Protein backbone atom coordinates (compact mmCIF):
# COMPACT_ATOMS: atom_id res chain seq x y z
CA MET A 1 -0.58 26.75 -91.68
CA TYR A 2 1.45 24.98 -94.31
CA LYS A 3 3.00 21.56 -93.73
CA SER A 4 5.61 21.73 -96.50
CA LEU A 5 7.16 24.90 -97.92
CA LEU A 6 9.86 25.53 -100.49
CA LEU A 7 12.16 28.50 -99.89
CA ALA A 8 14.26 29.46 -102.90
CA ALA A 9 17.32 31.16 -101.43
CA ASP A 10 20.60 32.43 -102.82
CA GLY A 11 22.08 33.90 -99.64
CA SER A 12 21.17 37.49 -100.52
CA GLU A 13 19.42 39.98 -98.27
CA ASN A 14 16.31 39.48 -100.41
CA SER A 15 16.26 35.75 -99.69
CA TYR A 16 16.75 36.45 -95.98
CA ARG A 17 13.68 38.72 -96.02
CA ALA A 18 11.77 35.90 -97.73
CA ALA A 19 12.89 33.54 -94.95
CA GLU A 20 11.68 36.01 -92.32
CA GLU A 21 8.30 36.31 -94.07
CA LEU A 22 8.05 32.52 -94.31
CA LEU A 23 7.94 32.43 -90.50
CA ASN A 24 4.42 33.89 -90.76
CA PHE A 25 3.30 30.76 -92.59
CA ALA A 26 5.29 28.11 -90.74
CA GLN A 27 4.55 26.40 -87.45
CA PRO A 28 7.39 24.90 -85.39
CA GLY A 29 6.97 21.15 -85.18
CA GLU A 30 4.40 21.09 -87.99
CA THR A 31 6.03 22.73 -91.02
CA ILE A 32 9.03 21.39 -92.87
CA VAL A 33 10.87 23.91 -95.03
CA THR A 34 13.11 22.91 -97.90
CA ILE A 35 15.72 25.58 -98.54
CA LEU A 36 16.63 25.30 -102.21
CA ASN A 37 19.90 26.87 -103.33
CA VAL A 38 20.53 26.70 -107.07
CA VAL A 39 24.10 27.06 -108.25
CA ASP A 40 23.78 28.63 -111.70
CA VAL A 41 25.23 26.39 -114.37
CA ASN A 42 27.30 29.29 -115.76
CA ASP A 43 28.79 29.96 -112.31
CA SER A 44 29.52 26.23 -111.94
CA LYS A 45 31.45 26.13 -115.22
CA SER A 46 33.44 29.20 -114.30
CA SER A 47 34.29 27.94 -110.82
CA VAL A 48 35.44 24.56 -112.18
CA LEU A 49 37.64 26.27 -114.78
CA HIS A 50 39.17 28.51 -112.10
CA GLY A 51 39.54 25.75 -109.52
CA THR A 52 37.02 27.24 -107.11
CA SER A 53 34.34 24.59 -107.48
CA SER A 54 31.08 25.28 -105.64
CA SER A 55 30.12 22.77 -103.00
CA VAL A 56 27.41 22.02 -100.50
CA ALA A 57 29.71 23.42 -97.80
CA GLU A 58 29.86 26.76 -99.64
CA SER A 59 26.07 26.84 -99.95
CA LYS A 60 25.68 26.07 -96.24
CA LYS A 61 28.03 28.94 -95.42
CA LYS A 62 26.16 31.30 -97.77
CA LEU A 63 22.80 30.36 -96.21
CA ASN A 64 24.01 30.27 -92.61
CA HIS A 65 22.01 33.37 -91.61
CA ILE A 66 18.81 31.68 -92.84
CA THR A 67 19.48 28.33 -91.18
CA THR A 68 20.37 30.14 -87.95
CA LEU A 69 17.03 31.99 -88.12
CA PHE A 70 15.17 28.70 -88.52
CA ASP A 71 17.18 27.05 -85.72
CA GLU A 72 16.34 29.94 -83.38
CA THR A 73 12.62 29.76 -84.18
CA GLY A 74 12.35 25.97 -84.12
CA ILE A 75 11.44 25.57 -87.78
CA GLN A 76 12.46 22.20 -89.19
CA TYR A 77 14.31 22.50 -92.50
CA GLU A 78 16.41 20.64 -95.01
CA LEU A 79 18.91 22.15 -97.41
CA LYS A 80 18.97 21.12 -101.07
CA VAL A 81 21.68 22.30 -103.44
CA GLU A 82 21.00 21.89 -107.16
CA HIS A 83 22.93 22.90 -110.27
CA GLY A 84 21.29 24.45 -113.31
CA SER A 85 19.31 27.48 -114.32
CA PRO A 86 17.71 28.93 -111.16
CA LYS A 87 14.49 29.76 -113.03
CA GLU A 88 14.07 26.23 -114.33
CA VAL A 89 15.18 24.40 -111.19
CA VAL A 90 12.88 26.37 -108.86
CA VAL A 91 9.87 25.89 -111.17
CA GLU A 92 10.62 22.17 -111.44
CA ALA A 93 10.88 21.84 -107.65
CA ALA A 94 7.70 23.87 -107.11
CA ASN A 95 5.79 21.64 -109.51
CA SER A 96 7.18 18.39 -108.08
CA GLY A 97 4.13 17.85 -105.87
CA GLU A 98 6.17 17.90 -102.66
CA TYR A 99 5.29 21.43 -101.51
CA GLU A 100 2.18 23.45 -100.72
CA ALA A 101 3.72 26.84 -101.56
CA VAL A 102 6.98 28.41 -102.66
CA VAL A 103 8.48 31.51 -101.03
CA LEU A 104 11.19 33.61 -102.65
CA GLY A 105 12.60 37.09 -102.63
CA THR A 106 12.78 39.51 -105.51
CA ARG A 107 15.51 41.91 -106.55
CA GLY A 108 12.92 44.62 -107.19
CA LEU A 109 13.58 45.05 -110.89
CA ASN A 110 11.45 47.53 -112.78
CA GLY A 111 9.43 46.34 -115.76
CA LEU A 112 12.13 47.07 -118.35
CA GLN A 113 14.91 45.46 -116.32
CA GLU A 114 12.75 42.41 -115.73
CA MET A 115 11.93 42.11 -119.44
CA VAL A 116 15.58 42.44 -120.48
CA LEU A 117 17.27 40.54 -117.66
CA GLY A 118 14.52 38.11 -116.75
CA SER A 119 13.44 37.38 -113.23
CA VAL A 120 13.39 34.14 -111.28
CA SER A 121 10.41 35.32 -109.23
CA HIS A 122 8.48 36.34 -112.35
CA LYS A 123 9.08 33.01 -114.07
CA VAL A 124 8.19 31.01 -110.95
CA ALA A 125 4.99 33.03 -110.49
CA LYS A 126 3.97 32.38 -114.10
CA ARG A 127 4.85 28.68 -114.28
CA SER A 128 4.27 27.33 -110.77
CA SER A 129 1.28 25.12 -110.12
CA ILE A 130 1.29 25.99 -106.40
CA PRO A 131 0.89 29.33 -104.59
CA VAL A 132 3.91 31.63 -104.87
CA ILE A 133 4.76 34.15 -102.17
CA ILE A 134 7.13 36.81 -103.49
CA VAL A 135 8.75 39.02 -100.85
CA LYS A 136 10.11 42.49 -101.66
């Protein structure tokens, strides 16, 4: 069992599936999960310009189904909200030395889509210094 896990979550169904899978690696009372929500810098600029600034409260609301899952299963967690490029922020957090593994969902892009659009899970898998668990 892991003592410290990083869950990269954006509130999507894919991140919820990653949270469910994480339960296979976490032990109530022994594992601490950090739920990392990255507000994309481009989204931040747009929301400030339109007066709909993102906040920690919005992230908590978006991730409520994940935190409820952890509450129900007794998994201890903390929520971190960061601003920036999700790819860069998740890699930086994974390589910080605080976590034993990172868990994240994938959108299921095909090879061409991934090459053109990029993929957070692909970049994290390539650049992380700790084990990466990607959930489809």
